[in-house]
Amino acid sequence: MFAELRWALLVIGLTLAFTLQPLLVLASPLEAELRGYVAAGVDHYGAFYDEDGERSTTRGVLRNAKLELELAWGERWEAELDASYKIEGDKKELDLGDAYLLYDGRSRFEAQIGRFKEPFGLERLASYTSLNTSERSLVTSAFAPGRSTGVMAGQYRKRGTWSLGLFTDEPDGGSTHAITARLTRAPIRSESQTLHLGAAASYRDLGDSRFQIKDEGEVFSADNVIRSPRFEARDAWLAGLEAAWLYNRLTLVAEAMAQNVRRTDGSRWRFGGAYLQAGVFLTDDQRYYSRGEFDRIEPRHRAGALELVARHSAVDLRDRNLGAEASVTLLGLAWYLGELFQLRLNYLMPDIRGNTLMANPDGDAFTLRAMLRF
């Protein structure tokens, strides 16, 4: 039922967008913009990231080749349709990204239908082009939901936002439908300083499908070596807290997430995690903030902007002596040359306890990403 609902929502939204388009064009001119980016690089990692315990692995990756079509007509209506292509070792994936219709109403109220990100997590909601690391943190990857099909309403002001949506998805052959909400506030917001606070929650009906958290530990082409127990689950609650402080060249970000999952036998299993990340520009640049999210970096000089990054992520996927506890410490350097080109170099130091899949739980990793926007 919910699989049919997912596609019905997507088809209805896009049908309305393109059916009404001629009428809307008569009332106001249509604006179209085609853009995208290509992100590629190299992953080099040790035995920790390989199920078979290979001492050293080096892989070229096409992290994402994304094409975005944006349409706008009048002052109120927008639509977007994205497609992306990835190459991860021998695995090649063509994926539908955002595909939605959006109404931008008065007082910064918005209503949206189609496929897009659920409103959960500061790092998850950030575009890949806005990140300063090769991958999102272990915590975000393990817990924060991504794109789903649904409907959402919200209000997005300079100092605060709220959003609430109904979603459905089919992860790993199962069926999930969810209610997800996020609330943010920026009590301090000026040219030189911003304090961001946020909270999000999601109730997820898992429909007695198989549940397991699997993650590759912030290395895109690695094996999913960090895992929780696996079982059939009835539903789950997911909660997140987020905070960020921007002060001139310095950016501090912290998020904590917790998940309470109910098995089909009625027992409850609890997992959680948190990360702390710091970034400081070595050049006269700073990160900017808008509507509960970070904006892309706009270097002030032709030589570009240079940023040092450090992050520690930790997850506890262990309950009833099953599953793993893991952490990843990251040191990185990001170079932004204009608004169109970026380089990101990361060194990762992982650690794991509890149940492990890899033959040898040792070995660090290097990742390099080059990204070109167009």
Protein backbone atom coordinates (compact mmCIF):
# COMPACT_ATOMS: atom_id res chain seq x y z
CA MET A 1 0.00 0.00 0.00
CA PHE A 2 2.65 2.47 1.03
CA ALA A 3 4.83 1.66 -1.95
CA GLU A 4 1.91 2.63 -4.16
CA LEU A 5 1.32 5.77 -2.07
CA ARG A 6 4.94 6.83 -2.46
CA TRP A 7 4.81 6.72 -6.22
CA ALA A 8 1.29 8.15 -6.29
CA LEU A 9 2.46 11.23 -4.40
CA LEU A 10 5.42 11.67 -6.72
CA VAL A 11 3.33 11.21 -9.86
CA ILE A 12 0.57 13.53 -8.62
CA GLY A 13 3.05 16.24 -7.65
CA LEU A 14 4.98 16.16 -10.89
CA THR A 15 1.80 15.83 -12.95
CA LEU A 16 0.38 18.92 -11.29
CA ALA A 17 3.66 20.76 -11.80
CA PHE A 18 3.79 20.12 -15.52
CA THR A 19 0.03 20.16 -16.17
CA LEU A 20 -0.44 23.52 -14.53
CA GLN A 21 2.78 24.87 -16.00
CA PRO A 22 1.18 26.23 -19.22
CA LEU A 23 -1.48 28.07 -17.22
CA LEU A 24 1.10 29.48 -14.87
CA VAL A 25 3.31 30.52 -17.76
CA LEU A 26 0.43 32.53 -19.23
CA ALA A 27 0.20 34.42 -15.96
CA SER A 28 3.94 34.91 -15.49
CA PRO A 29 7.16 34.03 -17.33
CA LEU A 30 8.81 30.67 -16.68
CA GLU A 31 12.41 30.68 -15.50
CA ALA A 32 14.54 27.57 -15.94
CA GLU A 33 18.07 26.86 -14.70
CA LEU A 34 20.17 23.77 -15.38
CA ARG A 35 23.15 23.20 -13.12
CA GLY A 36 25.02 20.48 -11.29
CA TYR A 37 28.38 19.23 -10.07
CA VAL A 38 30.88 16.41 -10.39
CA ALA A 39 32.74 15.12 -7.32
CA ALA A 40 35.44 12.47 -7.75
CA GLY A 41 38.60 11.36 -6.00
CA VAL A 42 40.51 8.57 -4.27
CA ASP A 43 39.95 6.49 -1.14
CA HIS A 44 42.92 4.73 0.50
CA TYR A 45 42.21 2.65 3.60
CA GLY A 46 43.55 -0.12 5.80
CA ALA A 47 42.16 -3.39 7.15
CA PHE A 48 39.59 -1.71 9.44
CA TYR A 49 37.46 -0.79 6.45
CA ASP A 50 37.62 -4.17 4.68
CA GLU A 51 35.58 -7.23 5.73
CA ASP A 52 38.31 -9.55 4.44
CA GLY A 53 41.07 -7.73 6.28
CA GLU A 54 43.04 -6.50 3.25
CA ARG A 55 45.97 -4.51 4.66
CA SER A 56 45.77 -1.76 2.02
CA THR A 57 43.13 -0.79 -0.53
CA THR A 58 43.17 2.16 -2.95
CA ARG A 59 40.13 2.98 -5.06
CA GLY A 60 39.16 5.74 -7.43
CA VAL A 61 35.59 6.91 -6.86
CA LEU A 62 33.01 8.96 -8.70
CA ARG A 63 31.36 10.29 -5.55
CA ASN A 64 28.55 11.96 -7.45
CA ALA A 65 27.77 13.37 -10.86
CA LYS A 66 24.59 15.35 -10.38
CA LEU A 67 22.38 17.28 -12.78
CA GLU A 68 19.70 19.63 -11.42
CA LEU A 69 16.83 21.25 -13.31
CA GLU A 70 15.14 24.10 -11.45
CA LEU A 71 11.94 25.79 -12.64
CA ALA A 72 10.29 28.91 -11.24
CA TRP A 73 7.25 30.84 -12.35
CA GLY A 74 5.70 33.86 -10.71
CA GLU A 75 6.61 34.71 -7.15
CA ARG A 76 5.17 31.57 -5.56
CA TRP A 77 5.88 28.39 -7.53
CA GLU A 78 9.06 26.34 -7.92
CA ALA A 79 9.92 22.82 -9.08
CA GLU A 80 13.12 20.77 -9.14
CA LEU A 81 14.15 17.51 -10.77
CA ASP A 82 17.59 15.95 -10.10
CA ALA A 83 19.45 12.85 -11.23
CA SER A 84 22.78 11.55 -9.95
CA TYR A 85 25.27 8.87 -10.95
CA LYS A 86 27.82 7.22 -8.65
CA ILE A 87 30.63 4.69 -9.07
CA GLU A 88 31.73 2.93 -5.87
CA GLY A 89 34.27 0.24 -6.72
CA ASP A 90 32.42 -2.24 -8.95
CA LYS A 91 29.05 -0.78 -7.95
CA LYS A 92 27.41 1.73 -10.29
CA GLU A 93 24.24 3.56 -9.28
CA LEU A 94 21.88 5.88 -11.11
CA ASP A 95 19.57 7.60 -8.64
CA LEU A 96 16.67 10.03 -8.62
CA GLY A 97 17.49 12.95 -6.34
CA ASP A 98 15.01 15.70 -5.58
CA ALA A 99 11.77 15.72 -7.59
CA TYR A 100 9.28 18.13 -6.08
CA LEU A 101 6.82 20.98 -6.48
CA LEU A 102 7.06 23.85 -3.98
CA TYR A 103 4.69 26.69 -3.11
CA ASP A 104 6.37 29.72 -1.51
CA GLY A 105 3.63 31.58 0.32
CA ARG A 106 3.43 34.74 2.37
CA SER A 107 5.32 35.24 5.63
CA ARG A 108 7.99 32.77 4.37
CA PHE A 109 5.56 29.83 4.55
CA GLU A 110 6.30 26.92 2.19
CA ALA A 111 4.42 23.77 1.14
CA GLN A 112 6.19 20.98 -0.75
CA ILE A 113 5.21 17.68 -2.39
CA GLY A 114 7.34 15.03 -4.12
CA ARG A 115 10.72 13.52 -3.24
CA PHE A 116 13.15 15.49 -1.06
CA LYS A 117 15.09 15.32 2.21
CA GLU A 118 13.18 14.80 5.43
CA PRO A 119 13.67 17.71 7.87
CA PHE A 120 16.20 16.08 10.21
CA GLY A 121 19.78 17.02 11.05
CA LEU A 122 21.87 20.10 10.28
CA GLU A 123 24.57 18.12 8.46
CA ARG A 124 22.12 15.86 6.59
CA LEU A 125 20.17 18.83 5.19
CA ALA A 126 23.33 20.52 3.94
CA SER A 127 24.08 20.00 0.26
CA TYR A 128 27.18 17.94 -0.49
CA THR A 129 28.66 21.04 -2.11
CA SER A 130 28.34 22.89 1.23
CA LEU A 131 30.30 20.34 3.27
CA ASN A 132 33.94 20.79 4.27
CA THR A 133 34.73 17.05 4.55
CA SER A 134 34.72 14.20 2.03
CA GLU A 135 31.71 12.57 3.71
CA ARG A 136 29.15 13.37 6.35
CA SER A 137 29.85 12.22 9.90
CA LEU A 138 29.39 8.63 11.06
CA VAL A 139 26.49 9.80 13.27
CA THR A 140 24.57 11.52 10.48
CA SER A 141 25.13 8.62 8.09
CA ALA A 142 23.95 6.05 10.65
CA PHE A 143 20.84 7.81 11.95
CA ALA A 144 19.57 10.81 9.96
CA PRO A 145 16.99 9.90 7.27
CA GLY A 146 17.66 11.10 3.74
CA ARG A 147 15.32 11.61 0.79
CA SER A 148 11.81 10.19 0.91
CA THR A 149 8.56 10.78 -0.93
CA GLY A 150 6.00 12.89 0.90
CA VAL A 151 4.38 16.21 1.70
CA MET A 152 5.80 18.91 3.98
CA ALA A 153 4.90 22.35 5.27
CA GLY A 154 7.10 24.84 7.09
CA GLN A 155 8.10 28.41 7.78
CA TYR A 156 11.66 29.61 7.19
CA ARG A 157 12.62 32.92 8.77
CA LYS A 158 16.06 34.44 9.33
CA ARG A 159 16.13 33.63 13.05
CA GLY A 160 13.97 30.52 13.17
CA THR A 161 12.38 27.73 11.17
CA TRP A 162 9.86 24.95 11.64
CA SER A 163 8.91 22.11 9.31
CA LEU A 164 6.60 19.09 9.51
CA GLY A 165 6.13 16.35 6.93
CA LEU A 166 4.60 12.95 6.16
CA PHE A 167 6.86 10.56 4.25
CA THR A 168 7.09 7.06 2.81
CA ASP A 169 10.10 5.10 1.57
CA GLU A 170 11.27 1.55 0.77
CA PRO A 171 14.74 1.02 2.30
CA ASP A 172 16.41 -2.36 1.68
CA GLY A 173 13.24 -3.92 0.34
CA GLY A 174 11.16 -2.93 3.38
CA SER A 175 8.51 -0.27 3.73
CA THR A 176 8.71 2.78 5.98
CA HIS A 177 6.31 5.61 6.53
CA ALA A 178 7.13 8.44 8.88
CA ILE A 179 6.17 11.72 10.50
CA THR A 180 9.23 13.99 10.78
CA ALA A 181 9.57 17.49 12.24
CA ARG A 182 12.37 19.99 12.87
CA LEU A 183 12.56 23.28 14.80
CA THR A 184 15.50 25.72 14.75
CA ARG A 185 16.32 29.05 16.38
CA ALA A 186 19.21 31.50 16.00
CA PRO A 187 19.12 33.65 19.18
CA ILE A 188 22.34 35.37 18.11
CA ARG A 189 22.72 36.36 14.46
CA SER A 190 25.01 39.10 13.15
CA GLU A 191 27.69 39.68 10.49
CA SER A 192 30.45 38.25 12.68
CA GLN A 193 28.62 35.79 14.94
CA THR A 194 25.73 33.31 14.80
CA LEU A 195 24.44 30.84 17.38
CA HIS A 196 22.19 28.10 15.98
CA LEU A 197 20.09 25.68 18.05
CA GLY A 198 17.82 22.98 16.70
CA ALA A 199 15.84 19.85 17.50
CA ALA A 200 14.19 17.20 15.33
CA ALA A 201 12.06 14.12 15.87
CA SER A 202 10.67 11.35 13.69
CA TYR A 203 8.22 8.51 14.29
CA ARG A 204 8.81 5.69 11.79
CA ASP A 205 6.44 2.78 11.13
CA LEU A 206 8.75 0.02 9.89
CA GLY A 207 5.99 -2.43 9.04
CA ASP A 208 7.69 -5.50 10.59
CA SER A 209 10.53 -5.18 8.07
CA ARG A 210 14.14 -6.12 8.73
CA PHE A 211 16.08 -3.44 10.61
CA GLN A 212 19.82 -2.93 10.79
CA ILE A 213 22.13 0.08 10.87
CA LYS A 214 25.13 -0.44 8.56
CA ASP A 215 27.83 2.13 7.90
CA GLU A 216 31.17 2.43 6.09
CA GLY A 217 32.75 4.77 8.68
CA GLU A 218 33.06 7.97 6.58
CA VAL A 219 34.86 6.26 3.67
CA PHE A 220 32.60 6.15 0.61
CA SER A 221 34.04 3.04 -1.10
CA ALA A 222 34.68 0.97 2.05
CA ASP A 223 32.64 -2.00 3.28
CA ASN A 224 29.79 -1.50 5.75
CA VAL A 225 31.86 -2.72 8.70
CA ILE A 226 30.07 -0.82 11.50
CA ARG A 227 26.77 -2.55 12.29
CA SER A 228 23.96 -2.84 14.79
CA PRO A 229 22.07 -6.06 15.59
CA ARG A 230 19.65 -7.19 12.88
CA PHE A 231 16.01 -8.03 13.55
CA GLU A 232 12.44 -7.50 12.38
CA ALA A 233 11.11 -4.19 13.72
CA ARG A 234 7.64 -2.78 14.23
CA ASP A 235 8.41 0.93 14.62
CA ALA A 236 11.01 3.42 15.85
CA TRP A 237 11.41 6.86 17.40
CA LEU A 238 14.31 9.03 16.27
CA ALA A 239 15.39 12.24 18.02
CA GLY A 240 18.15 14.75 17.31
CA LEU A 241 19.67 17.85 18.89
CA GLU A 242 21.94 20.25 17.01
CA ALA A 243 24.01 23.33 17.84
CA ALA A 244 26.40 25.51 15.87
CA TRP A 245 28.44 28.61 16.65
CA LEU A 246 29.93 30.73 13.88
CA TYR A 247 32.39 33.40 15.02
CA ASN A 248 34.39 35.13 12.27
CA ARG A 249 36.72 32.43 10.87
CA LEU A 250 35.69 29.76 13.40
CA THR A 251 32.82 27.26 13.05
CA LEU A 252 31.83 24.79 15.78
CA VAL A 253 29.09 22.22 15.16
CA ALA A 254 27.70 19.47 17.39
CA GLU A 255 24.85 17.02 16.92
CA ALA A 256 23.49 14.17 19.03
CA MET A 257 21.00 11.54 17.82
CA ALA A 258 19.17 8.70 19.54
CA GLN A 259 16.96 5.92 18.20
CA ASN A 260 14.51 3.71 20.07
CA VAL A 261 13.43 0.69 17.99
CA ARG A 262 10.63 -1.73 18.88
CA ARG A 263 11.03 -5.30 17.70
CA THR A 264 8.09 -7.37 16.55
CA ASP A 265 8.24 -9.23 19.92
CA GLY A 266 7.66 -5.90 21.74
CA SER A 267 11.19 -5.44 23.15
CA ARG A 268 12.85 -2.05 22.73
CA TRP A 269 16.41 -1.53 21.53
CA ARG A 270 18.28 1.75 21.98
CA PHE A 271 21.09 3.19 19.87
CA GLY A 272 22.71 6.63 19.75
CA GLY A 273 25.64 8.78 18.79
CA ALA A 274 27.12 12.27 18.63
CA TYR A 275 29.79 14.28 16.86
CA LEU A 276 31.73 17.48 17.45
CA GLN A 277 33.30 19.32 14.52
CA ALA A 278 35.50 22.42 14.36
CA GLY A 279 36.56 24.37 11.29
CA VAL A 280 38.81 27.42 11.10
CA PHE A 281 39.74 29.41 7.99
CA LEU A 282 43.41 30.17 7.47
CA THR A 283 42.37 32.89 5.02
CA ASP A 284 40.19 35.93 5.63
CA ASP A 285 36.94 34.04 5.05
CA GLN A 286 34.01 32.79 7.05
CA ARG A 287 31.00 30.51 6.76
CA TYR A 288 27.52 32.01 6.46
CA TYR A 289 24.14 30.86 7.73
CA SER A 290 20.62 31.14 6.33
CA ARG A 291 17.22 29.69 7.26
CA GLY A 292 18.52 27.02 9.62
CA GLU A 293 21.34 25.82 7.32
CA PHE A 294 24.89 26.73 6.21
CA ASP A 295 25.44 28.47 2.88
CA ARG A 296 28.16 27.60 0.37
CA ILE A 297 31.55 29.24 0.85
CA GLU A 298 32.19 32.33 -1.25
CA PRO A 299 35.96 33.07 -1.12
CA ARG A 300 36.90 36.72 -0.82
CA HIS A 301 40.14 36.46 -2.82
CA ARG A 302 41.15 34.98 -6.17
CA ALA A 303 43.55 32.54 -4.47
CA GLY A 304 40.56 30.95 -2.74
CA ALA A 305 39.72 30.05 0.86
CA LEU A 306 41.57 27.50 2.98
CA GLU A 307 39.93 25.76 5.96
CA LEU A 308 41.28 23.35 8.58
CA VAL A 309 38.73 20.82 9.88
CA ALA A 310 38.69 18.43 12.84
CA ARG A 311 35.86 16.12 13.86
CA HIS A 312 35.19 13.28 16.29
CA SER A 313 32.16 11.06 15.70
CA ALA A 314 31.00 8.19 17.90
CA VAL A 315 28.06 5.80 17.72
CA ASP A 316 26.76 3.17 20.12
CA LEU A 317 25.00 0.47 18.09
CA ARG A 318 25.31 -2.10 20.88
CA ASP A 319 22.43 -3.37 23.02
CA ARG A 320 22.05 -6.65 24.95
CA ASN A 321 25.74 -7.32 24.18
CA LEU A 322 25.05 -7.34 20.45
CA GLY A 323 26.33 -4.84 17.87
CA ALA A 324 29.29 -2.47 17.82
CA GLU A 325 30.49 0.76 19.38
CA ALA A 326 32.62 2.78 16.98
CA SER A 327 34.25 6.16 16.54
CA VAL A 328 36.08 8.05 13.80
CA THR A 329 38.45 10.96 14.37
CA LEU A 330 39.02 13.14 11.30
CA LEU A 331 41.60 15.76 10.40
CA GLY A 332 41.04 17.61 7.14
CA LEU A 333 41.91 20.46 4.84
CA ALA A 334 39.47 22.08 2.42
CA TRP A 335 40.38 24.51 -0.37
CA TYR A 336 37.65 26.53 -2.09
CA LEU A 337 38.77 28.14 -5.35
CA GLY A 338 36.00 30.53 -6.25
CA GLU A 339 32.47 29.17 -5.93
CA LEU A 340 32.94 26.44 -8.53
CA PHE A 341 35.93 24.32 -7.49
CA GLN A 342 36.84 22.55 -4.22
CA LEU A 343 39.47 20.15 -2.92
CA ARG A 344 38.97 18.16 0.30
CA LEU A 345 41.69 16.02 1.91
CA ASN A 346 40.81 13.95 5.01
CA TYR A 347 42.78 11.65 7.30
CA LEU A 348 40.57 9.29 9.35
CA MET A 349 41.43 7.30 12.48
CA PRO A 350 38.72 4.72 13.32
CA ASP A 351 38.13 2.59 16.40
CA ILE A 352 35.63 -0.20 17.14
CA ARG A 353 34.54 -2.35 20.09
CA GLY A 354 32.01 -5.14 20.56
CA ASN A 355 30.94 -7.35 17.65
CA THR A 356 33.10 -6.79 14.57
CA LEU A 357 32.95 -8.06 10.99
CA MET A 358 36.46 -7.21 9.83
CA ALA A 359 39.29 -9.69 10.20
CA ASN A 360 41.63 -6.97 11.50
CA PRO A 361 40.13 -3.90 13.26
CA ASP A 362 43.18 -1.69 12.59
CA GLY A 363 44.14 0.72 9.84
CA ASP A 364 43.53 4.37 9.07
CA ALA A 365 42.25 5.99 5.88
CA PHE A 366 42.91 8.91 3.53
CA THR A 367 40.25 10.40 1.24
CA LEU A 368 40.67 13.01 -1.46
CA ARG A 369 37.81 14.75 -3.26
CA ALA A 370 37.85 17.22 -6.13
CA MET A 371 34.55 18.89 -6.97
CA LEU A 372 33.55 21.06 -9.90
CA ARG A 373 30.23 22.89 -9.95
CA PHE A 374 28.65 24.20 -13.13
